[in-house]
Amino acid sequence: MSFHLSAQDIRVDDGHILRARLDNGEGEWVDAELDLNTVLGNNDGLFEWEGGDFAASAEGITFQLEGDENVPILRAGLTNMNGDVNWHDVNLAERITNNGGQFELQ
């Protein structure tokens, strides 16, 4: 299940630390965090899942819950091999789930 459907207080701190209170399936809300630099990379100006350290070559990183379903969207200007900045976004719910109160990459 996409993590945002069982989460409260979702935010991204320091441009790359995803934090939230997640339902652990036992009726408790637990604090969880995931360093997005461990699961997202920059591949020539594009977000890449299972890459790493995207924030080192990014600028203007923002995070927002969007739409009626509060879809978690991360946006950034990512530098490509030519040094140009490309503005892209990634839906964190595409690959990040809640597994018993912990973030997990699918």
PDB file of N, CA and C in Angstrom:
ATOM      1  N   MET A   1       0.850  -1.173   0.000  1.00  0.00           N
ATOM      2  CA  MET A   1       0.000   0.000   0.000  1.00  0.00           C
ATOM      3  C   MET A   1       0.895   1.236   0.000  1.00  0.00           C
ATOM      4  N   SER A   2       0.565   2.211  -0.819  1.00  0.00           N
ATOM      5  CA  SER A   2       1.314   3.456  -0.835  1.00  0.00           C
ATOM      6  C   SER A   2       1.298   4.076   0.554  1.00  0.00           C
ATOM      7  N   PHE A   3       2.442   4.510   1.007  1.00  0.00           N
ATOM      8  CA  PHE A   3       2.594   4.944   2.393  1.00  0.00           C
ATOM      9  C   PHE A   3       1.682   6.094   2.777  1.00  0.00           C
ATOM     10  N   HIS A   4       1.395   6.989   1.846  1.00  0.00           N
ATOM     11  CA  HIS A   4       0.651   8.194   2.211  1.00  0.00           C
ATOM     12  C   HIS A   4      -0.790   7.906   2.625  1.00  0.00           C
ATOM     13  N   LEU A   5      -1.298   6.722   2.292  1.00  0.00           N
ATOM     14  CA  LEU A   5      -2.664   6.359   2.660  1.00  0.00           C
ATOM     15  C   LEU A   5      -2.773   5.935   4.116  1.00  0.00           C
ATOM     16  N   SER A   6      -1.643   5.669   4.756  1.00  0.00           N
ATOM     17  CA  SER A   6      -1.635   5.267   6.164  1.00  0.00           C
ATOM     18  C   SER A   6      -0.613   6.091   6.945  1.00  0.00           C
ATOM     19  N   ALA A   7      -0.567   7.392   6.630  1.00  0.00           N
ATOM     20  CA  ALA A   7       0.427   8.270   7.247  1.00  0.00           C
ATOM     21  C   ALA A   7      -0.191   9.585   7.696  1.00  0.00           C
ATOM     22  N   GLN A   8       0.475  10.198   8.670  1.00  0.00           N
ATOM     23  CA  GLN A   8       0.128  11.538   9.149  1.00  0.00           C
ATOM     24  C   GLN A   8       1.409  12.368   9.156  1.00  0.00           C
ATOM     25  N   ASP A   9       1.223  13.684   9.104  1.00  0.00           N
ATOM     26  CA  ASP A   9       2.354  14.612   9.262  1.00  0.00           C
ATOM     27  C   ASP A   9       3.505  14.305   8.304  1.00  0.00           C
ATOM     28  N   ILE A  10       3.198  14.069   7.041  1.00  0.00           N
ATOM     29  CA  ILE A  10       4.217  13.747   6.039  1.00  0.00           C
ATOM     30  C   ILE A  10       4.973  15.019   5.673  1.00  0.00           C
ATOM     31  N   ARG A  11       6.295  14.908   5.643  1.00  0.00           N
ATOM     32  CA  ARG A  11       7.117  16.052   5.263  1.00  0.00           C
ATOM     33  C   ARG A  11       8.474  15.556   4.748  1.00  0.00           C
ATOM     34  N   VAL A  12       9.205  16.462   4.105  1.00  0.00           N
ATOM     35  CA  VAL A  12      10.580  16.190   3.703  1.00  0.00           C
ATOM     36  C   VAL A  12      11.440  17.279   4.333  1.00  0.00           C
ATOM     37  N   ASP A  13      12.374  16.866   5.173  1.00  0.00           N
ATOM     38  CA  ASP A  13      13.280  17.785   5.845  1.00  0.00           C
ATOM     39  C   ASP A  13      14.640  17.784   5.164  1.00  0.00           C
ATOM     40  N   ASP A  14      15.294  18.926   5.196  1.00  0.00           N
ATOM     41  CA  ASP A  14      16.644  19.076   4.626  1.00  0.00           C
ATOM     42  C   ASP A  14      16.714  18.668   3.157  1.00  0.00           C
ATOM     43  N   GLY A  15      15.582  18.683   2.461  1.00  0.00           N
ATOM     44  CA  GLY A  15      15.548  18.389   1.041  1.00  0.00           C
ATOM     45  C   GLY A  15      15.610  16.917   0.674  1.00  0.00           C
ATOM     46  N   HIS A  16      15.845  16.032   1.677  1.00  0.00           N
ATOM     47  CA  HIS A  16      15.979  14.620   1.307  1.00  0.00           C
ATOM     48  C   HIS A  16      15.566  13.622   2.389  1.00  0.00           C
ATOM     49  N   ILE A  17      15.118  14.069   3.544  1.00  0.00           N
ATOM     50  CA  ILE A  17      14.712  13.149   4.604  1.00  0.00           C
ATOM     51  C   ILE A  17      13.185  13.106   4.665  1.00  0.00           C
ATOM     52  N   LEU A  18      12.616  12.003   4.205  1.00  0.00           N
ATOM     53  CA  LEU A  18      11.166  11.802   4.258  1.00  0.00           C
ATOM     54  C   LEU A  18      10.805  11.367   5.672  1.00  0.00           C
ATOM     55  N   ARG A  19       9.878  12.103   6.289  1.00  0.00           N
ATOM     56  CA  ARG A  19       9.441  11.771   7.650  1.00  0.00           C
ATOM     57  C   ARG A  19       7.924  11.753   7.694  1.00  0.00           C
ATOM     58  N   ALA A  20       7.381  10.895   8.554  1.00  0.00           N
ATOM     59  CA  ALA A  20       5.934  10.816   8.756  1.00  0.00           C
ATOM     60  C   ALA A  20       5.664   9.971   9.997  1.00  0.00           C
ATOM     61  N   ARG A  21       4.427  10.031  10.437  1.00  0.00           N
ATOM     62  CA  ARG A  21       3.926   9.103  11.444  1.00  0.00           C
ATOM     63  C   ARG A  21       3.126   8.070  10.673  1.00  0.00           C
ATOM     64  N   LEU A  22       3.528   6.803  10.795  1.00  0.00           N
ATOM     65  CA  LEU A  22       2.913   5.726  10.027  1.00  0.00           C
ATOM     66  C   LEU A  22       2.108   4.806  10.936  1.00  0.00           C
ATOM     67  N   ASP A  23       0.975   4.342  10.426  1.00  0.00           N
ATOM     68  CA  ASP A  23       0.163   3.342  11.123  1.00  0.00           C
ATOM     69  C   ASP A  23       0.922   2.017  11.052  1.00  0.00           C
ATOM     70  N   ASN A  24       1.166   1.412  12.206  1.00  0.00           N
ATOM     71  CA  ASN A  24       1.936   0.161  12.212  1.00  0.00           C
ATOM     72  C   ASN A  24       1.063  -1.081  12.063  1.00  0.00           C
ATOM     73  N   GLY A  25      -0.243  -0.891  11.831  1.00  0.00           N
ATOM     74  CA  GLY A  25      -1.150  -2.012  11.643  1.00  0.00           C
ATOM     75  C   GLY A  25      -1.712  -2.555  12.941  1.00  0.00           C
ATOM     76  N   GLU A  26      -1.252  -2.016  14.055  1.00  0.00           N
ATOM     77  CA  GLU A  26      -1.730  -2.450  15.368  1.00  0.00           C
ATOM     78  C   GLU A  26      -2.420  -1.305  16.106  1.00  0.00           C
ATOM     79  N   GLY A  27      -2.828  -0.293  15.332  1.00  0.00           N
ATOM     80  CA  GLY A  27      -3.524   0.840  15.918  1.00  0.00           C
ATOM     81  C   GLY A  27      -2.623   1.893  16.517  1.00  0.00           C
ATOM     82  N   GLU A  28      -1.326   1.798  16.270  1.00  0.00           N
ATOM     83  CA  GLU A  28      -0.382   2.777  16.799  1.00  0.00           C
ATOM     84  C   GLU A  28       0.229   3.575  15.654  1.00  0.00           C
ATOM     85  N   TRP A  29       0.531   4.829  15.930  1.00  0.00           N
ATOM     86  CA  TRP A  29       1.224   5.691  14.981  1.00  0.00           C
ATOM     87  C   TRP A  29       2.669   5.791  15.436  1.00  0.00           C
ATOM     88  N   VAL A  30       3.593   5.449  14.551  1.00  0.00           N
ATOM     89  CA  VAL A  30       5.012   5.461  14.894  1.00  0.00           C
ATOM     90  C   VAL A  30       5.763   6.410  13.963  1.00  0.00           C
ATOM     91  N   ASP A  31       6.800   7.045  14.506  1.00  0.00           N
ATOM     92  CA  ASP A  31       7.631   7.933  13.704  1.00  0.00           C
ATOM     93  C   ASP A  31       8.509   7.101  12.780  1.00  0.00           C
ATOM     94  N   ALA A  32       8.582   7.536  11.532  1.00  0.00           N
ATOM     95  CA  ALA A  32       9.405   6.834  10.546  1.00  0.00           C
ATOM     96  C   ALA A  32      10.153   7.852   9.700  1.00  0.00           C
ATOM     97  N   GLU A  33      11.292   7.455   9.202  1.00  0.00           N
ATOM     98  CA  GLU A  33      12.036   8.319   8.288  1.00  0.00           C
ATOM     99  C   GLU A  33      12.795   7.490   7.274  1.00  0.00           C
ATOM    100  N   LEU A  34      13.027   8.111   6.131  1.00  0.00           N
ATOM    101  CA  LEU A  34      13.766   7.484   5.042  1.00  0.00           C
ATOM    102  C   LEU A  34      14.601   8.562   4.368  1.00  0.00           C
ATOM    103  N   ASP A  35      15.893   8.332   4.263  1.00  0.00           N
ATOM    104  CA  ASP A  35      16.757   9.254   3.536  1.00  0.00           C
ATOM    105  C   ASP A  35      16.555   8.984   2.049  1.00  0.00           C
ATOM    106  N   LEU A  36      15.927   9.913   1.368  1.00  0.00           N
ATOM    107  CA  LEU A  36      15.627   9.728  -0.059  1.00  0.00           C
ATOM    108  C   LEU A  36      16.896   9.628  -0.904  1.00  0.00           C
ATOM    109  N   ASN A  37      18.015  10.121  -0.378  1.00  0.00           N
ATOM    110  CA  ASN A  37      19.283   9.969  -1.092  1.00  0.00           C
ATOM    111  C   ASN A  37      19.711   8.511  -1.212  1.00  0.00           C
ATOM    112  N   THR A  38      19.116   7.628  -0.429  1.00  0.00           N
ATOM    113  CA  THR A  38      19.461   6.211  -0.516  1.00  0.00           C
ATOM    114  C   THR A  38      18.618   5.464  -1.541  1.00  0.00           C
ATOM    115  N   VAL A  39      17.570   6.103  -2.063  1.00  0.00           N
ATOM    116  CA  VAL A  39      16.678   5.419  -3.016  1.00  0.00           C
ATOM    117  C   VAL A  39      16.434   6.205  -4.302  1.00  0.00           C
ATOM    118  N   LEU A  40      16.830   7.474  -4.337  1.00  0.00           N
ATOM    119  CA  LEU A  40      16.633   8.307  -5.527  1.00  0.00           C
ATOM    120  C   LEU A  40      17.968   8.881  -6.005  1.00  0.00           C
ATOM    121  N   GLY A  41      18.169   8.778  -7.289  1.00  0.00           N
ATOM    122  CA  GLY A  41      19.368   9.357  -7.881  1.00  0.00           C
ATOM    123  C   GLY A  41      19.013  10.339  -8.979  1.00  0.00           C
ATOM    124  N   ASN A  42      20.029  10.926  -9.552  1.00  0.00           N
ATOM    125  CA  ASN A  42      19.904  11.833 -10.683  1.00  0.00           C
ATOM    126  C   ASN A  42      20.599  11.176 -11.862  1.00  0.00           C
ATOM    127  N   ASN A  43      19.820  10.812 -12.875  1.00  0.00           N
ATOM    128  CA  ASN A  43      20.363  10.206 -14.084  1.00  0.00           C
ATOM    129  C   ASN A  43      20.250  11.217 -15.211  1.00  0.00           C
ATOM    130  N   ASP A  44      21.311  11.982 -15.405  1.00  0.00           N
ATOM    131  CA  ASP A  44      21.387  12.988 -16.474  1.00  0.00           C
ATOM    132  C   ASP A  44      20.201  13.958 -16.440  1.00  0.00           C
ATOM    133  N   GLY A  45      19.848  14.429 -15.230  1.00  0.00           N
ATOM    134  CA  GLY A  45      18.796  15.435 -15.099  1.00  0.00           C
ATOM    135  C   GLY A  45      17.410  14.872 -14.861  1.00  0.00           C
ATOM    136  N   LEU A  46      17.319  13.566 -14.621  1.00  0.00           N
ATOM    137  CA  LEU A  46      16.029  12.923 -14.351  1.00  0.00           C
ATOM    138  C   LEU A  46      16.112  12.137 -13.042  1.00  0.00           C
ATOM    139  N   PHE A  47      15.019  12.126 -12.265  1.00  0.00           N
ATOM    140  CA  PHE A  47      14.975  11.275 -11.083  1.00  0.00           C
ATOM    141  C   PHE A  47      15.105   9.819 -11.507  1.00  0.00           C
ATOM    142  N   GLU A  48      15.844   9.039 -10.702  1.00  0.00           N
ATOM    143  CA  GLU A  48      16.018   7.618 -10.978  1.00  0.00           C
ATOM    144  C   GLU A  48      15.836   6.841  -9.672  1.00  0.00           C
ATOM    145  N   TRP A  49      14.813   5.972  -9.651  1.00  0.00           N
ATOM    146  CA  TRP A  49      14.614   5.097  -8.497  1.00  0.00           C
ATOM    147  C   TRP A  49      15.779   4.130  -8.407  1.00  0.00           C
ATOM    148  N   GLU A  50      16.132   3.780  -7.191  1.00  0.00           N
ATOM    149  CA  GLU A  50      17.221   2.873  -6.869  1.00  0.00           C
ATOM    150  C   GLU A  50      18.576   3.461  -7.241  1.00  0.00           C
ATOM    151  N   GLY A  51      18.599   4.758  -7.487  1.00  0.00           N
ATOM    152  CA  GLY A  51      19.858   5.467  -7.644  1.00  0.00           C
ATOM    153  C   GLY A  51      20.286   5.947  -6.269  1.00  0.00           C
ATOM    154  N   GLY A  52      21.044   7.025  -6.230  1.00  0.00           N
ATOM    155  CA  GLY A  52      21.465   7.547  -4.947  1.00  0.00           C
ATOM    156  C   GLY A  52      21.940   8.977  -5.032  1.00  0.00           C
ATOM    157  N   ASP A  53      21.837   9.672  -3.911  1.00  0.00           N
ATOM    158  CA  ASP A  53      22.406  11.003  -3.709  1.00  0.00           C
ATOM    159  C   ASP A  53      21.879  12.063  -4.690  1.00  0.00           C
ATOM    160  N   PHE A  54      20.593  12.010  -5.019  1.00  0.00           N
ATOM    161  CA  PHE A  54      20.026  12.998  -5.939  1.00  0.00           C
ATOM    162  C   PHE A  54      20.236  14.425  -5.455  1.00  0.00           C
ATOM    163  N   ALA A  55      20.173  14.640  -4.141  1.00  0.00           N
ATOM    164  CA  ALA A  55      20.208  16.002  -3.597  1.00  0.00           C
ATOM    165  C   ALA A  55      21.539  16.713  -3.848  1.00  0.00           C
ATOM    166  N   ALA A  56      22.604  15.943  -4.063  1.00  0.00           N
ATOM    167  CA  ALA A  56      23.919  16.551  -4.304  1.00  0.00           C
ATOM    168  C   ALA A  56      23.955  17.331  -5.615  1.00  0.00           C
ATOM    169  N   SER A  57      23.089  16.988  -6.553  1.00  0.00           N
ATOM    170  CA  SER A  57      23.075  17.671  -7.853  1.00  0.00           C
ATOM    171  C   SER A  57      21.703  18.294  -8.127  1.00  0.00           C
ATOM    172  N   ALA A  58      21.013  18.683  -7.038  1.00  0.00           N
ATOM    173  CA  ALA A  58      19.663  19.246  -7.172  1.00  0.00           C
ATOM    174  C   ALA A  58      19.613  20.636  -6.566  1.00  0.00           C
ATOM    175  N   GLU A  59      18.664  21.405  -7.039  1.00  0.00           N
ATOM    176  CA  GLU A  59      18.412  22.723  -6.468  1.00  0.00           C
ATOM    177  C   GLU A  59      16.911  22.935  -6.368  1.00  0.00           C
ATOM    178  N   GLY A  60      16.519  23.831  -5.496  1.00  0.00           N
ATOM    179  CA  GLY A  60      15.107  24.187  -5.362  1.00  0.00           C
ATOM    180  C   GLY A  60      14.216  23.019  -5.000  1.00  0.00           C
ATOM    181  N   ILE A  61      14.686  22.116  -4.149  1.00  0.00           N
ATOM    182  CA  ILE A  61      13.915  20.927  -3.779  1.00  0.00           C
ATOM    183  C   ILE A  61      12.688  21.337  -2.976  1.00  0.00           C
ATOM    184  N   THR A  62      11.513  20.857  -3.416  1.00  0.00           N
ATOM    185  CA  THR A  62      10.275  21.123  -2.690  1.00  0.00           C
ATOM    186  C   THR A  62       9.484  19.828  -2.548  1.00  0.00           C
ATOM    187  N   PHE A  63       8.617  19.820  -1.559  1.00  0.00           N
ATOM    188  CA  PHE A  63       7.748  18.684  -1.326  1.00  0.00           C
ATOM    189  C   PHE A  63       6.356  19.207  -1.050  1.00  0.00           C
ATOM    190  N   GLN A  64       5.355  18.525  -1.629  1.00  0.00           N
ATOM    191  CA  GLN A  64       3.975  18.950  -1.447  1.00  0.00           C
ATOM    192  C   GLN A  64       3.040  17.757  -1.570  1.00  0.00           C
ATOM    193  N   LEU A  65       1.988  17.778  -0.762  1.00  0.00           N
ATOM    194  CA  LEU A  65       0.900  16.810  -0.900  1.00  0.00           C
ATOM    195  C   LEU A  65      -0.102  17.430  -1.857  1.00  0.00           C
ATOM    196  N   GLU A  66      -0.422  16.734  -2.945  1.00  0.00           N
ATOM    197  CA  GLU A  66      -1.215  17.330  -4.011  1.00  0.00           C
ATOM    198  C   GLU A  66      -2.504  16.569  -4.281  1.00  0.00           C
ATOM    199  N   GLY A  67      -3.521  17.315  -4.684  1.00  0.00           N
ATOM    200  CA  GLY A  67      -4.791  16.746  -5.093  1.00  0.00           C
ATOM    201  C   GLY A  67      -5.639  16.284  -3.927  1.00  0.00           C
ATOM    202  N   ASP A  68      -6.801  15.745  -4.269  1.00  0.00           N
ATOM    203  CA  ASP A  68      -7.744  15.274  -3.258  1.00  0.00           C
ATOM    204  C   ASP A  68      -7.196  14.106  -2.445  1.00  0.00           C
ATOM    205  N   GLU A  69      -6.281  13.339  -3.027  1.00  0.00           N
ATOM    206  CA  GLU A  69      -5.732  12.170  -2.337  1.00  0.00           C
ATOM    207  C   GLU A  69      -4.404  12.458  -1.645  1.00  0.00           C
ATOM    208  N   ASN A  70      -3.990  13.739  -1.627  1.00  0.00           N
ATOM    209  CA  ASN A  70      -2.734  14.133  -0.977  1.00  0.00           C
ATOM    210  C   ASN A  70      -1.545  13.310  -1.460  1.00  0.00           C
ATOM    211  N   VAL A  71      -1.376  13.243  -2.767  1.00  0.00           N
ATOM    212  CA  VAL A  71      -0.277  12.496  -3.370  1.00  0.00           C
ATOM    213  C   VAL A  71       1.045  13.203  -3.037  1.00  0.00           C
ATOM    214  N   PRO A  72       2.039  12.471  -2.505  1.00  0.00           N
ATOM    215  CA  PRO A  72       3.305  13.078  -2.103  1.00  0.00           C
ATOM    216  C   PRO A  72       4.250  13.284  -3.297  1.00  0.00           C
ATOM    217  N   ILE A  73       4.444  14.549  -3.662  1.00  0.00           N
ATOM    218  CA  ILE A  73       5.240  14.892  -4.838  1.00  0.00           C
ATOM    219  C   ILE A  73       6.503  15.634  -4.417  1.00  0.00           C
ATOM    220  N   LEU A  74       7.658  15.129  -4.863  1.00  0.00           N
ATOM    221  CA  LEU A  74       8.938  15.780  -4.665  1.00  0.00           C
ATOM    222  C   LEU A  74       9.346  16.428  -5.978  1.00  0.00           C
ATOM    223  N   ARG A  75       9.757  17.703  -5.929  1.00  0.00           N
ATOM    224  CA  ARG A  75      10.184  18.429  -7.128  1.00  0.00           C
ATOM    225  C   ARG A  75      11.591  18.974  -6.906  1.00  0.00           C
ATOM    226  N   ALA A  76      12.355  19.031  -7.997  1.00  0.00           N
ATOM    227  CA  ALA A  76      13.695  19.598  -7.905  1.00  0.00           C
ATOM    228  C   ALA A  76      14.224  19.930  -9.293  1.00  0.00           C
ATOM    229  N   GLY A  77      15.162  20.843  -9.307  1.00  0.00           N
ATOM    230  CA  GLY A  77      15.943  21.098 -10.503  1.00  0.00           C
ATOM    231  C   GLY A  77      17.160  20.190 -10.447  1.00  0.00           C
ATOM    232  N   LEU A  78      17.262  19.275 -11.406  1.00  0.00           N
ATOM    233  CA  LEU A  78      18.354  18.295 -11.423  1.00  0.00           C
ATOM    234  C   LEU A  78      19.339  18.639 -12.532  1.00  0.00           C
ATOM    235  N   THR A  79      20.597  18.698 -12.185  1.00  0.00           N
ATOM    236  CA  THR A  79      21.632  19.054 -13.146  1.00  0.00           C
ATOM    237  C   THR A  79      21.946  17.861 -14.041  1.00  0.00           C
ATOM    238  N   ASN A  80      21.990  18.118 -15.360  1.00  0.00           N
ATOM    239  CA  ASN A  80      22.339  17.042 -16.293  1.00  0.00           C
ATOM    240  C   ASN A  80      23.835  17.077 -16.604  1.00  0.00           C
ATOM    241  N   MET A  81      24.275  16.189 -17.489  1.00  0.00           N
ATOM    242  CA  MET A  81      25.705  16.072 -17.800  1.00  0.00           C
ATOM    243  C   MET A  81      26.284  17.326 -18.442  1.00  0.00           C
ATOM    244  N   ASN A  82      25.442  18.144 -19.063  1.00  0.00           N
ATOM    245  CA  ASN A  82      25.899  19.381 -19.692  1.00  0.00           C
ATOM    246  C   ASN A  82      25.906  20.549 -18.716  1.00  0.00           C
ATOM    247  N   GLY A  83      25.469  20.300 -17.476  1.00  0.00           N
ATOM    248  CA  GLY A  83      25.421  21.363 -16.486  1.00  0.00           C
ATOM    249  C   GLY A  83      24.121  22.151 -16.494  1.00  0.00           C
ATOM    250  N   ASP A  84      23.178  21.743 -17.354  1.00  0.00           N
ATOM    251  CA  ASP A  84      21.875  22.402 -17.406  1.00  0.00           C
ATOM    252  C   ASP A  84      20.985  21.843 -16.305  1.00  0.00           C
ATOM    253  N   VAL A  85      20.053  22.673 -15.833  1.00  0.00           N
ATOM    254  CA  VAL A  85      19.124  22.256 -14.797  1.00  0.00           C
ATOM    255  C   VAL A  85      17.787  21.896 -15.433  1.00  0.00           C
ATOM    256  N   ASN A  86      17.314  20.687 -15.155  1.00  0.00           N
ATOM    257  CA  ASN A  86      16.015  20.221 -15.636  1.00  0.00           C
ATOM    258  C   ASN A  86      15.089  20.093 -14.439  1.00  0.00           C
ATOM    259  N   TRP A  87      13.905  20.667 -14.538  1.00  0.00           N
ATOM    260  CA  TRP A  87      12.939  20.623 -13.441  1.00  0.00           C
ATOM    261  C   TRP A  87      12.023  19.433 -13.636  1.00  0.00           C
ATOM    262  N   HIS A  88      12.019  18.562 -12.624  1.00  0.00           N
ATOM    263  CA  HIS A  88      11.208  17.349 -12.687  1.00  0.00           C
ATOM    264  C   HIS A  88      10.571  17.076 -11.338  1.00  0.00           C
ATOM    265  N   ASP A  89       9.574  16.200 -11.356  1.00  0.00           N
ATOM    266  CA  ASP A  89       8.960  15.768 -10.105  1.00  0.00           C
ATOM    267  C   ASP A  89       8.857  14.258 -10.098  1.00  0.00           C
ATOM    268  N   VAL A  90       8.677  13.738  -8.884  1.00  0.00           N
ATOM    269  CA  VAL A  90       8.519  12.302  -8.712  1.00  0.00           C
ATOM    270  C   VAL A  90       7.446  12.070  -7.654  1.00  0.00           C
ATOM    271  N   ASN A  91       6.557  11.137  -7.943  1.00  0.00           N
ATOM    272  CA  ASN A  91       5.511  10.745  -7.011  1.00  0.00           C
ATOM    273  C   ASN A  91       6.110   9.697  -6.074  1.00  0.00           C
ATOM    274  N   LEU A  92       6.337  10.079  -4.823  1.00  0.00           N
ATOM    275  CA  LEU A  92       6.983   9.171  -3.878  1.00  0.00           C
ATOM    276  C   LEU A  92       6.130   7.942  -3.586  1.00  0.00           C
ATOM    277  N   ALA A  93       4.817   8.053  -3.776  1.00  0.00           N
ATOM    278  CA  ALA A  93       3.916   6.920  -3.520  1.00  0.00           C
ATOM    279  C   ALA A  93       4.034   5.835  -4.587  1.00  0.00           C
ATOM    280  N   GLU A  94       4.698   6.125  -5.703  1.00  0.00           N
ATOM    281  CA  GLU A  94       4.871   5.108  -6.745  1.00  0.00           C
ATOM    282  C   GLU A  94       5.665   3.914  -6.248  1.00  0.00           C
ATOM    283  N   ARG A  95       6.655   4.145  -5.380  1.00  0.00           N
ATOM    284  CA  ARG A  95       7.565   3.067  -4.974  1.00  0.00           C
ATOM    285  C   ARG A  95       7.751   2.925  -3.473  1.00  0.00           C
ATOM    286  N   ILE A  96       7.314   3.906  -2.687  1.00  0.00           N
ATOM    287  CA  ILE A  96       7.520   3.839  -1.242  1.00  0.00           C
ATOM    288  C   ILE A  96       6.225   3.402  -0.569  1.00  0.00           C
ATOM    289  N   THR A  97       6.334   2.389   0.285  1.00  0.00           N
ATOM    290  CA  THR A  97       5.169   1.846   0.974  1.00  0.00           C
ATOM    291  C   THR A  97       5.392   1.909   2.488  1.00  0.00           C
ATOM    292  N   ASN A  98       4.331   1.585   3.211  1.00  0.00           N
ATOM    293  CA  ASN A  98       4.368   1.461   4.662  1.00  0.00           C
ATOM    294  C   ASN A  98       4.313  -0.026   4.991  1.00  0.00           C
ATOM    295  N   ASN A  99       5.368  -0.525   5.598  1.00  0.00           N
ATOM    296  CA  ASN A  99       5.413  -1.929   6.001  1.00  0.00           C
ATOM    297  C   ASN A  99       5.509  -1.982   7.527  1.00  0.00           C
ATOM    298  N   GLY A 100       4.368  -2.099   8.181  1.00  0.00           N
ATOM    299  CA  GLY A 100       4.333  -2.208   9.628  1.00  0.00           C
ATOM    300  C   GLY A 100       4.875  -1.007  10.366  1.00  0.00           C
ATOM    301  N   GLY A 101       4.716   0.168   9.781  1.00  0.00           N
ATOM    302  CA  GLY A 101       5.199   1.385  10.424  1.00  0.00           C
ATOM    303  C   GLY A 101       6.581   1.816   9.989  1.00  0.00           C
ATOM    304  N   GLN A 102       7.126   1.169   8.959  1.00  0.00           N
ATOM    305  CA  GLN A 102       8.434   1.524   8.413  1.00  0.00           C
ATOM    306  C   GLN A 102       8.310   1.794   6.918  1.00  0.00           C
ATOM    307  N   PHE A 103       9.053   2.777   6.432  1.00  0.00           N
ATOM    308  CA  PHE A 103       9.101   3.018   4.991  1.00  0.00           C
ATOM    309  C   PHE A 103       9.836   1.862   4.323  1.00  0.00           C
ATOM    310  N   GLU A 104       9.327   1.492   3.137  1.00  0.00           N
ATOM    311  CA  GLU A 104       9.961   0.419   2.372  1.00  0.00           C
ATOM    312  C   GLU A 104       9.877   0.752   0.894  1.00  0.00           C
ATOM    313  N   LEU A 105      10.961   0.526   0.170  1.00  0.00           N
ATOM    314  CA  LEU A 105      10.974   0.734  -1.267  1.00  0.00           C
ATOM    315  C   LEU A 105      10.496  -0.528  -1.962  1.00  0.00           C
ATOM    316  N   GLN A 106       9.549  -0.386  -2.871  1.00  0.00           N
ATOM    317  CA  GLN A 106       9.024  -1.521  -3.645  1.00  0.00           C
ATOM    318  C   GLN A 106       9.620  -1.523  -5.022  1.00  0.00           C
TER     319      GLN A 106
END
